[in-house]
Protein backbone atom coordinates (compact mmCIF):
# COMPACT_ATOMS: atom_id res chain seq x y z
CA MET A 1 -65.45 70.80 -137.58
CA PRO A 2 -68.37 70.99 -135.11
CA LEU A 3 -68.78 68.12 -132.68
CA PRO A 4 -71.44 65.48 -133.42
CA ILE A 5 -74.69 65.30 -131.51
CA SER A 6 -74.42 62.61 -128.82
CA VAL A 7 -77.07 59.91 -128.95
CA LEU A 8 -77.73 57.75 -125.90
CA ARG A 9 -79.29 54.42 -126.76
CA ARG A 10 -82.59 55.21 -128.58
CA PRO A 11 -82.91 59.01 -128.52
CA ALA A 12 -86.11 60.98 -128.53
CA ALA A 13 -84.41 63.59 -130.71
CA LEU A 14 -85.57 61.98 -133.94
CA ALA A 15 -89.17 62.54 -132.92
CA ALA A 16 -88.49 66.22 -133.45
CA ALA A 17 -88.06 65.54 -137.14
CA LEU A 18 -91.24 66.29 -138.93
CA ALA A 19 -91.77 62.69 -140.00
CA ALA A 20 -91.72 59.96 -137.44
CA VAL A 21 -91.69 56.40 -138.78
CA PHE A 22 -88.42 54.69 -137.95
CA ALA A 23 -86.84 51.89 -139.96
CA PRO A 24 -83.46 50.46 -138.93
CA ALA A 25 -81.31 49.50 -141.90
CA THR A 26 -80.74 45.80 -142.49
CA ALA A 27 -77.60 44.50 -140.79
CA PRO A 28 -76.42 41.09 -139.54
CA ALA A 29 -77.33 40.38 -135.94
CA ALA A 30 -74.48 40.15 -133.47
CA ALA A 31 -74.26 36.79 -131.76
CA ASP A 32 -74.38 37.39 -128.02
CA GLY A 33 -70.92 36.89 -126.63
CA SER A 34 -69.29 36.71 -130.06
CA GLY A 35 -67.68 40.13 -129.77
CA GLN A 36 -68.67 40.84 -133.38
CA VAL A 37 -69.00 44.54 -134.19
CA VAL A 38 -72.29 45.31 -135.94
CA MET A 39 -73.60 48.77 -136.79
CA ARG A 40 -77.12 49.93 -137.53
CA PHE A 41 -78.86 53.11 -138.69
CA GLU A 42 -81.89 54.37 -136.85
CA THR A 43 -83.21 56.93 -139.30
CA ALA A 44 -86.65 58.08 -140.31
CA LYS A 45 -88.25 56.04 -143.09
CA THR A 46 -89.97 59.22 -144.30
CA PHE A 47 -89.16 62.83 -143.51
CA VAL A 48 -91.19 65.96 -144.28
CA MET A 49 -88.72 68.57 -145.48
CA TYR A 50 -91.00 71.61 -145.61
CA ASN A 51 -94.57 72.62 -146.42
CA ALA A 52 -95.36 73.36 -150.05
CA ASP A 53 -96.76 76.82 -149.34
CA GLU A 54 -93.41 77.87 -147.80
CA GLY A 55 -91.67 77.50 -151.16
CA ALA A 56 -88.17 78.94 -151.43
CA LYS A 57 -88.48 80.55 -147.97
CA ALA A 58 -88.38 77.15 -146.27
CA SER A 59 -85.33 75.96 -144.34
CA ASN A 60 -84.85 72.77 -142.35
CA ASP A 61 -81.70 71.28 -140.83
CA ASN A 62 -83.37 68.75 -138.52
CA PHE A 63 -82.69 65.64 -140.60
CA VAL A 64 -80.36 63.43 -138.57
CA VAL A 65 -78.42 60.27 -139.40
CA PRO A 66 -77.71 58.29 -136.21
CA VAL A 67 -75.35 55.34 -136.25
CA PHE A 68 -75.44 52.79 -133.41
CA VAL A 69 -73.23 49.89 -132.46
CA GLU A 70 -75.22 46.81 -131.48
CA PRO A 71 -74.36 45.89 -127.88
CA SER A 72 -72.44 42.65 -127.51
CA LYS A 73 -70.66 41.04 -124.61
CA GLY A 74 -66.98 41.87 -124.82
CA GLY A 75 -67.48 43.67 -128.12
CA GLU A 76 -65.02 46.24 -129.45
CA PRO A 77 -65.86 49.76 -130.53
CA ALA A 78 -66.61 50.38 -134.20
CA ARG A 79 -63.45 52.10 -135.37
CA ASN A 80 -63.17 55.05 -137.77
CA VAL A 81 -66.85 55.16 -138.62
CA ARG A 82 -67.64 57.20 -141.71
CA VAL A 83 -71.04 57.94 -143.25
CA VAL A 84 -71.49 59.05 -146.87
CA VAL A 85 -74.84 60.72 -147.58
CA ASP A 86 -76.05 61.03 -151.17
CA ALA A 87 -78.66 63.80 -151.52
CA SER A 88 -78.69 63.90 -155.33
CA GLY A 89 -82.21 62.45 -155.27
CA LEU A 90 -83.57 65.76 -153.96
CA GLN A 91 -82.99 67.62 -157.21
CA GLY A 92 -86.14 69.49 -158.19
CA VAL A 93 -87.84 69.16 -154.80
CA ALA A 94 -85.27 70.83 -152.52
CA ARG A 95 -82.07 72.83 -152.55
CA LEU A 96 -79.03 72.11 -150.42
CA GLY A 97 -77.69 74.89 -148.22
CA ASP A 98 -74.33 75.33 -146.52
CA LYS A 99 -73.64 72.99 -143.62
CA ASP A 100 -70.32 72.72 -141.80
CA MET A 101 -70.93 69.45 -139.97
CA CYS A 102 -69.91 67.20 -142.89
CA LYS A 103 -67.62 67.68 -145.88
CA ALA A 104 -69.67 68.35 -149.03
CA GLU A 105 -68.80 67.70 -152.66
CA GLY A 106 -71.90 68.72 -154.54
CA PRO A 107 -74.81 66.64 -153.17
CA ILE A 108 -72.46 64.08 -151.54
CA TYR A 109 -71.71 64.59 -147.84
CA THR A 110 -69.01 62.71 -145.93
CA CYS A 111 -69.36 62.64 -142.13
CA GLU A 112 -66.55 61.45 -139.85
CA TYR A 113 -68.13 59.79 -136.82
CA GLY A 114 -64.88 58.45 -135.35
CA ASP A 115 -64.85 55.51 -132.94
CA LEU A 116 -68.25 54.44 -131.57
CA GLN A 117 -68.31 52.48 -128.34
CA ASN A 118 -70.04 49.13 -127.96
CA GLY A 119 -73.75 49.81 -127.39
CA ASP A 120 -73.51 53.54 -128.05
CA GLY A 121 -73.99 55.81 -131.03
CA GLU A 122 -73.55 59.25 -132.53
CA SER A 123 -75.68 61.43 -134.77
CA TYR A 124 -74.96 64.09 -137.36
CA GLN A 125 -77.19 66.55 -139.19
CA PRO A 126 -75.54 66.40 -142.62
CA LEU A 127 -77.98 68.42 -144.73
CA ALA A 128 -79.34 71.95 -144.70
CA ILE A 129 -82.52 71.60 -146.73
CA LEU A 130 -84.00 74.63 -148.49
CA GLY A 131 -87.36 74.78 -150.24
CA VAL A 132 -88.14 75.49 -153.86
CA ASP A 133 -90.99 77.46 -155.39
CA GLY A 134 -93.58 75.49 -157.30
CA ALA A 135 -93.36 72.33 -155.20
CA GLU A 136 -96.63 70.50 -154.57
CA PRO A 137 -97.64 68.56 -151.45
CA GLY A 138 -96.43 64.99 -151.81
CA ASP A 139 -93.49 65.77 -154.09
CA SER A 140 -90.55 63.69 -152.90
CA GLY A 141 -87.02 62.47 -153.42
CA THR A 142 -84.76 59.91 -151.77
CA VAL A 143 -81.63 60.33 -149.70
CA THR A 144 -79.31 57.33 -149.37
CA TYR A 145 -76.47 56.81 -146.91
CA THR A 146 -73.79 54.24 -146.23
CA ALA A 147 -71.79 53.69 -143.04
CA THR A 148 -68.39 51.99 -143.03
CA ALA A 149 -65.91 51.12 -140.28
CA ASP A 150 -62.50 49.46 -140.12
CA ASN A 151 -63.83 46.46 -138.21
CA ALA A 152 -67.53 46.17 -139.16
CA ALA A 153 -69.52 45.33 -142.26
CA PRO A 154 -70.93 48.37 -144.12
CA ILE A 155 -74.62 49.19 -143.81
CA THR A 156 -76.91 51.23 -146.04
CA GLY A 157 -80.17 53.08 -145.56
CA THR A 158 -82.64 55.31 -147.38
CA THR A 159 -85.15 57.96 -146.38
CA ARG A 160 -88.00 59.23 -148.51
CA MET A 161 -87.92 63.02 -148.25
CA THR A 162 -91.32 64.57 -148.94
CA VAL A 163 -92.85 68.00 -149.40
CA GLY A 164 -95.63 68.45 -146.87
CA GLY A 165 -98.42 70.83 -146.69
CA PRO A 166 -100.27 72.89 -146.52
CA THR A 167 -99.34 74.85 -143.40
CA LEU A 168 -102.37 74.83 -141.10
CA SER A 169 -102.86 77.75 -138.71
CA ALA A 170 -104.25 77.97 -135.18
CA PRO A 171 -105.56 80.89 -133.10
CA GLY A 172 -102.51 81.37 -130.87
CA GLN A 173 -103.26 82.47 -127.31
CA GLU A 174 -106.93 81.83 -126.54
CA LYS A 175 -109.09 82.91 -123.61
CA GLY A 176 -107.73 81.34 -120.44
CA VAL A 177 -109.50 79.22 -117.87
CA SER A 178 -109.42 80.44 -114.26
CA GLY A 179 -110.60 78.88 -111.03
CA LEU A 180 -110.38 75.26 -112.20
CA ALA A 181 -110.51 72.88 -109.24
CA PRO A 182 -108.24 69.82 -109.24
CA GLY A 183 -110.22 66.78 -110.39
CA LYS A 184 -112.83 68.84 -112.22
CA PRO A 185 -112.86 68.36 -116.03
CA ALA A 186 -112.62 71.23 -118.50
CA ASN A 187 -112.87 71.42 -122.28
CA VAL A 188 -110.94 72.83 -125.21
CA THR A 189 -112.32 73.03 -128.75
CA ALA A 190 -109.50 73.03 -131.28
CA ARG A 191 -109.81 75.39 -134.27
CA LEU A 192 -107.84 75.61 -137.49
CA ALA A 193 -107.56 77.66 -140.66
CA ASN A 194 -106.06 76.71 -144.00
CA ASN A 195 -104.79 80.05 -145.26
CA THR A 196 -102.90 78.56 -148.20
CA ARG A 197 -103.80 77.77 -151.81
CA PHE A 198 -103.49 74.01 -151.25
CA PRO A 199 -106.23 71.69 -149.97
CA THR A 200 -105.24 68.91 -147.59
CA LYS A 201 -105.61 65.99 -149.99
CA GLN A 202 -104.59 63.42 -147.36
CA GLY A 203 -106.63 64.76 -144.47
CA VAL A 204 -105.33 66.48 -141.35
CA ALA A 205 -103.96 65.55 -137.94
CA LEU A 206 -104.39 67.26 -134.58
CA GLN A 207 -101.95 66.92 -131.69
CA VAL A 208 -103.02 68.12 -128.25
CA ASP A 209 -100.63 68.38 -125.28
CA VAL A 210 -101.20 69.34 -121.66
CA SER A 211 -98.56 70.47 -119.19
CA GLU A 212 -97.35 68.61 -116.12
CA GLY A 213 -100.08 67.98 -113.54
CA LEU A 214 -102.85 67.68 -116.15
CA LYS A 215 -104.19 64.74 -118.16
CA LEU A 216 -106.42 64.20 -121.18
CA THR A 217 -109.46 61.93 -121.23
CA ALA A 218 -109.03 59.15 -123.82
CA ARG A 219 -112.48 59.08 -125.37
CA HIS A 220 -112.38 59.46 -129.19
CA SER A 221 -111.80 56.44 -131.44
CA ASN A 222 -109.92 58.45 -134.08
CA CYS A 223 -107.44 59.65 -131.45
CA PHE A 224 -104.39 57.85 -130.09
CA TYR A 225 -103.12 58.77 -126.65
CA ALA A 226 -99.64 58.61 -125.12
CA GLY A 227 -100.03 56.13 -122.26
CA PRO A 228 -102.82 55.21 -119.86
CA THR A 229 -102.68 58.63 -118.12
CA PRO A 230 -102.17 60.64 -121.28
CA THR A 231 -100.71 64.10 -121.50
CA SER A 232 -100.82 64.04 -125.31
CA ALA A 233 -103.35 63.01 -127.95
CA TRP A 234 -103.00 62.58 -131.72
CA CYS A 235 -106.20 62.57 -133.80
CA THR A 236 -106.69 62.09 -137.53
CA PHE A 237 -109.45 63.44 -139.76
CA PRO A 238 -110.16 62.36 -143.34
CA THR A 239 -111.53 65.85 -144.06
CA LYS A 240 -109.81 67.51 -146.99
CA ALA A 241 -109.49 71.00 -145.54
CA ALA A 242 -110.21 73.37 -148.41
CA ALA A 243 -107.92 76.25 -149.30
CA GLY A 244 -108.98 79.37 -147.41
CA ALA A 245 -111.37 77.44 -145.13
CA ALA A 246 -111.66 77.29 -141.31
CA TYR A 247 -112.83 74.44 -139.08
CA ARG A 248 -113.35 73.37 -135.47
CA THR A 249 -113.65 70.00 -133.82
CA SER A 250 -117.21 68.65 -133.50
CA ALA A 251 -116.72 68.09 -129.77
CA PRO A 252 -114.24 69.41 -127.25
CA LEU A 253 -111.30 67.49 -125.90
CA VAL A 254 -111.52 66.99 -122.14
CA TYR A 255 -108.68 67.55 -119.68
CA THR A 256 -108.37 67.44 -115.88
CA VAL A 257 -105.98 68.84 -113.29
CA THR A 258 -104.59 65.77 -111.55
CA ALA A 259 -101.97 67.30 -109.22
CA PRO A 260 -103.77 68.54 -106.07
CA LYS A 261 -101.24 71.34 -105.48
CA ARG A 262 -100.95 72.50 -109.09
CA LEU A 263 -101.36 76.26 -109.45
CA SER A 264 -101.44 76.63 -113.22
CA GLY A 265 -101.06 74.77 -116.50
CA GLU A 266 -101.50 75.00 -120.24
CA VAL A 267 -103.17 73.15 -123.09
CA THR A 268 -101.58 73.49 -126.53
CA TYR A 269 -102.52 72.05 -129.90
CA THR A 270 -101.17 71.99 -133.45
CA TRP A 271 -102.46 70.84 -136.85
CA SER A 272 -100.56 69.09 -139.62
CA SER A 273 -101.01 67.53 -143.03
CA PRO A 274 -100.41 64.82 -144.06
CA PRO A 275 -101.06 62.79 -140.88
CA SER A 276 -98.09 60.94 -139.37
CA ARG A 277 -98.66 59.41 -135.94
CA PRO A 278 -95.91 59.69 -133.29
CA ALA A 279 -94.61 56.29 -132.24
CA ASP A 280 -95.42 56.73 -128.53
CA HIS A 281 -99.15 57.37 -129.08
CA THR A 282 -100.42 53.81 -128.76
CA VAL A 283 -103.64 53.91 -126.71
CA ARG A 284 -106.70 54.31 -128.91
CA GLY A 285 -109.85 55.99 -127.65
CA THR A 286 -113.06 53.96 -127.50
CA GLY A 287 -115.76 56.62 -127.85
CA ALA A 288 -117.36 58.33 -130.82
CA PRO A 289 -114.86 59.80 -133.27
CA LEU A 290 -114.20 63.51 -133.55
CA THR A 291 -115.05 65.20 -136.81
CA LEU A 292 -114.32 68.62 -138.26
CA VAL A 293 -117.07 71.21 -138.65
CA ARG A 294 -116.57 74.05 -141.12
CA THR A 295 -116.87 77.55 -139.69
CA ALA A 296 -116.61 81.12 -140.92
CA GLY A 297 -113.15 82.07 -142.16
CA ARG A 298 -110.71 83.16 -139.45
CA PRO A 299 -107.47 85.14 -139.82
CA PHE A 300 -105.45 82.69 -137.71
CA ASP A 301 -101.72 83.15 -138.18
CA ASP A 302 -100.14 81.13 -135.37
CA SER A 303 -98.74 77.60 -135.43
CA HIS A 304 -100.34 76.68 -132.07
CA GLY A 305 -103.49 77.12 -130.07
CA ARG A 306 -102.79 77.83 -126.39
CA VAL A 307 -105.13 77.89 -123.40
CA GLY A 308 -103.68 79.03 -120.07
CA ILE A 309 -105.15 77.59 -116.86
CA THR A 310 -105.13 78.75 -113.26
CA THR A 311 -106.55 76.51 -110.58
CA THR A 312 -108.35 77.12 -107.30
CA VAL A 313 -105.15 76.21 -105.45
CA GLN A 314 -103.24 79.11 -103.92
CA ALA A 315 -99.71 79.82 -102.78
CA ASP A 316 -100.12 82.05 -99.73
CA TYR A 317 -97.10 84.30 -99.24
CA ARG A 318 -96.25 85.73 -95.82
CA PRO A 319 -93.40 88.18 -95.21
CA VAL A 320 -90.23 87.09 -93.47
CA THR A 321 -89.26 90.09 -91.36
CA ALA A 322 -87.07 91.18 -88.44
CA SER A 323 -86.17 94.27 -86.42
CA VAL A 324 -83.37 96.67 -87.32
CA ARG A 325 -81.61 96.48 -83.99
CA GLY A 326 -78.37 98.24 -83.02
CA ARG A 327 -76.72 101.50 -82.02
CA VAL A 328 -76.69 104.67 -84.02
CA GLY A 329 -73.87 104.39 -86.54
CA ASP A 330 -74.05 100.58 -86.74
CA THR A 331 -74.58 98.77 -90.06
CA VAL A 332 -76.55 95.60 -89.31
CA LYS A 333 -77.74 92.57 -91.31
CA VAL A 334 -81.50 92.07 -91.45
CA ARG A 335 -82.93 88.95 -93.14
CA LEU A 336 -86.02 89.81 -95.18
CA GLY A 337 -88.09 87.85 -97.71
CA VAL A 338 -91.15 85.60 -98.09
CA ARG A 339 -92.46 82.28 -96.81
CA ASP A 340 -94.72 80.22 -99.07
CA LEU A 341 -97.44 78.78 -96.83
CA GLY A 342 -98.96 76.80 -99.69
CA PRO A 343 -100.80 74.62 -100.13
CA GLY A 344 -99.51 75.04 -103.70
CA ARG A 345 -95.87 75.67 -104.34
CA ILE A 346 -94.82 78.01 -107.15
CA GLU A 347 -92.47 76.24 -109.56
CA GLY A 348 -89.71 77.73 -111.68
CA ASP A 349 -91.83 77.97 -114.84
CA GLU A 350 -94.42 80.13 -113.09
CA ASP A 351 -94.33 83.73 -111.86
CA LEU A 352 -92.54 83.44 -108.49
CA GLY A 353 -93.64 86.91 -107.43
CA ARG A 354 -91.70 89.46 -105.41
CA PHE A 355 -91.43 91.33 -102.15
CA GLU A 356 -90.98 95.05 -101.61
CA VAL A 357 -89.13 96.66 -98.72
CA VAL A 358 -89.40 100.21 -97.40
CA PRO A 359 -86.76 100.64 -94.63
CA PRO A 360 -87.64 102.40 -91.36
CA GLU A 361 -87.17 106.14 -91.07
CA GLY A 362 -83.72 106.95 -89.70
CA THR A 363 -81.99 104.13 -91.60
CA THR A 364 -80.23 103.62 -94.95
CA VAL A 365 -79.92 100.39 -96.94
CA THR A 366 -76.25 100.30 -97.90
CA SER A 367 -76.31 97.04 -99.89
CA ILE A 368 -78.19 93.78 -100.50
CA PRO A 369 -75.24 91.57 -101.40
CA TYR A 370 -75.48 88.18 -103.15
CA SER A 371 -73.32 85.69 -105.00
CA PHE A 372 -74.32 83.94 -108.22
CA GLU A 373 -72.12 81.48 -110.10
CA GLY A 374 -69.07 82.64 -108.18
CA ASP A 375 -69.56 86.36 -108.78
CA ASP A 376 -70.31 88.71 -105.89
CA SER A 377 -72.69 91.61 -106.48
CA LYS A 378 -73.92 94.42 -104.27
CA TRP A 379 -77.59 94.78 -105.12
CA ALA A 380 -80.00 91.83 -105.29
CA CYS A 381 -83.04 94.12 -105.52
CA SER A 382 -83.94 97.15 -107.58
CA ARG A 383 -83.33 100.37 -105.67
CA PRO A 384 -85.99 103.08 -105.42
CA GLU A 385 -85.70 106.08 -107.70
CA LYS A 386 -86.77 108.45 -104.91
CA ALA A 387 -85.97 108.61 -101.21
CA GLY A 388 -88.53 106.74 -99.15
CA GLY A 389 -89.42 104.38 -102.02
CA ALA A 390 -89.41 100.59 -102.01
CA PHE A 391 -86.66 98.15 -102.84
CA VAL A 392 -88.25 95.64 -105.26
CA CYS A 393 -86.99 92.05 -105.02
CA GLU A 394 -88.07 89.73 -107.88
CA ILE A 395 -87.46 86.31 -106.37
CA GLY A 396 -87.48 84.53 -109.73
CA HIS A 397 -84.27 86.33 -110.72
CA ALA A 398 -80.72 85.04 -110.37
CA PRO A 399 -79.85 86.77 -107.04
CA PHE A 400 -82.39 84.56 -105.26
CA HIS A 401 -81.41 81.24 -106.82
CA ASP A 402 -79.33 80.14 -103.83
CA VAL A 403 -81.63 81.47 -101.09
CA ARG A 404 -84.81 79.61 -102.11
CA HIS A 405 -85.33 76.68 -99.75
CA ASP A 406 -87.46 73.55 -99.82
CA ASP A 407 -89.56 74.76 -96.88
CA GLY A 408 -90.83 77.62 -99.05
CA THR A 409 -88.64 80.31 -97.50
CA THR A 410 -86.85 82.82 -99.70
CA ALA A 411 -84.92 85.47 -97.78
CA ILE A 412 -81.81 87.55 -98.20
CA ALA A 413 -79.69 89.76 -95.91
CA PHE A 414 -80.17 93.52 -96.19
CA ARG A 415 -77.30 95.62 -94.85
CA ILE A 416 -78.93 98.57 -93.10
CA ARG A 417 -77.14 101.50 -91.43
CA ILE A 418 -78.79 103.11 -88.40
CA ASP A 419 -78.40 106.86 -88.90
CA ARG A 420 -80.40 108.19 -85.95
CA GLN A 421 -82.94 107.29 -83.31
CA VAL A 422 -86.57 107.71 -84.43
CA PRO A 423 -88.95 106.52 -81.69
CA GLY A 424 -91.63 104.17 -83.06
CA ALA A 425 -90.17 104.09 -86.58
CA LYS A 426 -91.22 101.09 -88.66
CA GLY A 427 -90.49 100.07 -92.20
CA THR A 428 -92.70 97.71 -94.21
CA ILE A 429 -92.31 94.54 -96.25
CA ARG A 430 -95.05 93.53 -98.68
CA THR A 431 -95.32 90.27 -100.68
CA TYR A 432 -96.91 89.64 -104.08
CA ASN A 433 -97.62 86.65 -106.30
CA PRO A 434 -100.43 85.93 -108.78
CA PHE A 435 -101.59 82.83 -106.87
CA ASP A 436 -101.95 84.44 -103.42
CA ARG A 437 -105.64 84.79 -102.55
CA THR A 438 -105.15 85.59 -98.85
CA PRO A 439 -104.16 89.28 -98.81
CA GLY A 440 -104.56 89.73 -95.06
CA ASN A 441 -101.06 88.49 -94.25
CA ASP A 442 -99.16 90.07 -97.14
CA VAL A 443 -97.75 93.05 -95.17
CA ALA A 444 -95.51 93.13 -92.09
CA SER A 445 -93.52 95.81 -90.29
CA ILE A 446 -89.77 96.20 -89.92
CA PRO A 447 -89.33 97.89 -86.51
CA LEU A 448 -86.37 100.12 -85.73
CA GLU A 449 -84.83 99.43 -82.31
CA ALA A 450 -82.01 101.98 -82.12
CA SER A 451 -79.84 102.66 -79.08
CA PRO A 452 -77.73 105.80 -78.65
CA ALA A 453 -74.27 105.74 -80.16
CA PRO A 454 -71.45 104.93 -77.72
CA LEU A 455 -69.60 107.92 -76.28
CA TYR A 456 -66.50 107.44 -78.40
CA ARG A 457 -68.64 107.41 -81.53
CA SER A 458 -70.40 110.62 -80.41
CA VAL A 459 -67.08 112.31 -79.79
CA LEU A 460 -65.80 111.27 -83.19
CA ARG A 461 -68.83 112.58 -85.05
CA PRO A 462 -68.02 115.51 -87.42
CA ALA A 463 -70.57 117.66 -85.61
CA VAL A 464 -68.47 117.36 -82.47
CA LEU A 465 -64.98 117.05 -83.94
CA VAL A 466 -65.08 120.17 -86.14
CA PRO A 467 -66.13 122.70 -83.42
CA ALA A 468 -63.68 121.12 -80.96
CA ALA A 469 -60.87 121.42 -83.48
CA LEU A 470 -61.73 125.06 -84.10
CA VAL A 471 -61.66 125.80 -80.38
CA ILE A 472 -58.30 124.08 -79.98
CA ALA A 473 -56.85 125.91 -82.98
CA ALA A 474 -58.06 129.26 -81.61
CA ALA A 475 -56.53 128.48 -78.22
CA VAL A 476 -53.18 127.67 -79.82
CA VAL A 477 -53.22 130.98 -81.70
CA VAL A 478 -53.99 132.96 -78.52
CA TYR A 479 -51.24 131.11 -76.60
CA ARG A 480 -48.62 131.89 -79.27
CA ARG A 481 -49.55 135.55 -79.42
CA ARG A 482 -49.24 135.87 -75.66
CA ARG A 483 -45.80 134.31 -75.69
CA ARG A 484 -44.63 136.71 -78.37
CA SER A 485 -45.97 139.73 -76.43
CA LYS A 486 -44.00 138.94 -73.24
CA PRO A 487 -40.77 141.00 -72.80
CA ALA A 488 -37.53 139.03 -73.18
């Protein structure tokens, strides 16, 4: 049986369920210090199973049933916790698919939660919910559940499971914004299309989110924002979006880059019906409300609208280079890479860029070794297909995970063999990243400083050894013939 999903105190995981109004089941309060074991559910009061236009194609296994033990001083764990879920109330509005997490007997699911520690909890996803054709928005059924334990009173709970809809579409990736200075506001106008046969009888909701380093301006009275420096807004509209119709907001939503070293960001938005406000959106705007304006029909087919942003901040890369210094025949280590001079610093979710290395004439790169998660490998960079080409080192890839440093330096050791002396030979190293707007320092040389091979190495070279061996062999043959020709 699969392991349960761990829940720590009050999890954010339930917010991922399509409905988001929580209602703990009624249970006796634990007297502080009594050691009494008291359980509680923390389940959604309502849950949207699927959108009506999805019909029998819909599938949803995000409904969770968390059980918590109320914290009490000196309290025991709740022992042998078991939850029985009765989904018979979904007949006609949903089908039940196969789910291995809990034992099923028809629409009754029995989930073994085991022992739950004082103050902790566990969560199971007992149901795999499948849609049915012919369902209408607002159709619903009820799921009930009961939790028992050896040393705690049983508790019960219910959730109203509804059919949502219709599915509202957004444009997907929209035209990006480039050159946005930190502190300067910018706008996004959200657009939607209702490509289904159902109108939105209960209005629509818009949720807008911005990435780290950006914030929204809380200005519309029909919008609720997540905190005083909001990165998310939730707006409701009474408009009954007609089947086959398209709309846009009457005014744009305003956002600002707040992090002075932020290189890029993103604004995303989604539409839903019926409206159901997330619990953490508590700050209401004070300005004029947004409305929806009908527009010409649009063939939107994405679930999100997305606007990519690049700022005026740059991450100036400079090569980290060194000389290939040694004697002919030596294989030497040369540390090559990039240094991020800022002022912005490229983060892991952005394109970290690369550097390219062309070794000096008269040398050969024999390996660029690295270790990742305990495994040693020979080549950290892509090798050129033709002689004289560049080794391409993508510094966002695994080989460079352990050589990226807080000072902005990313460098790795190239093993380079010096094959011969070439006076004045120089290789090159060139850096790239999409946020570097100072190209003048992107290229540096890799000088070759080769000394002659030591005498013993010259003597041992094949070009010397082979002729010498032939001479010696010939001399031995002549000597033997002369000895044989002498009279006894």
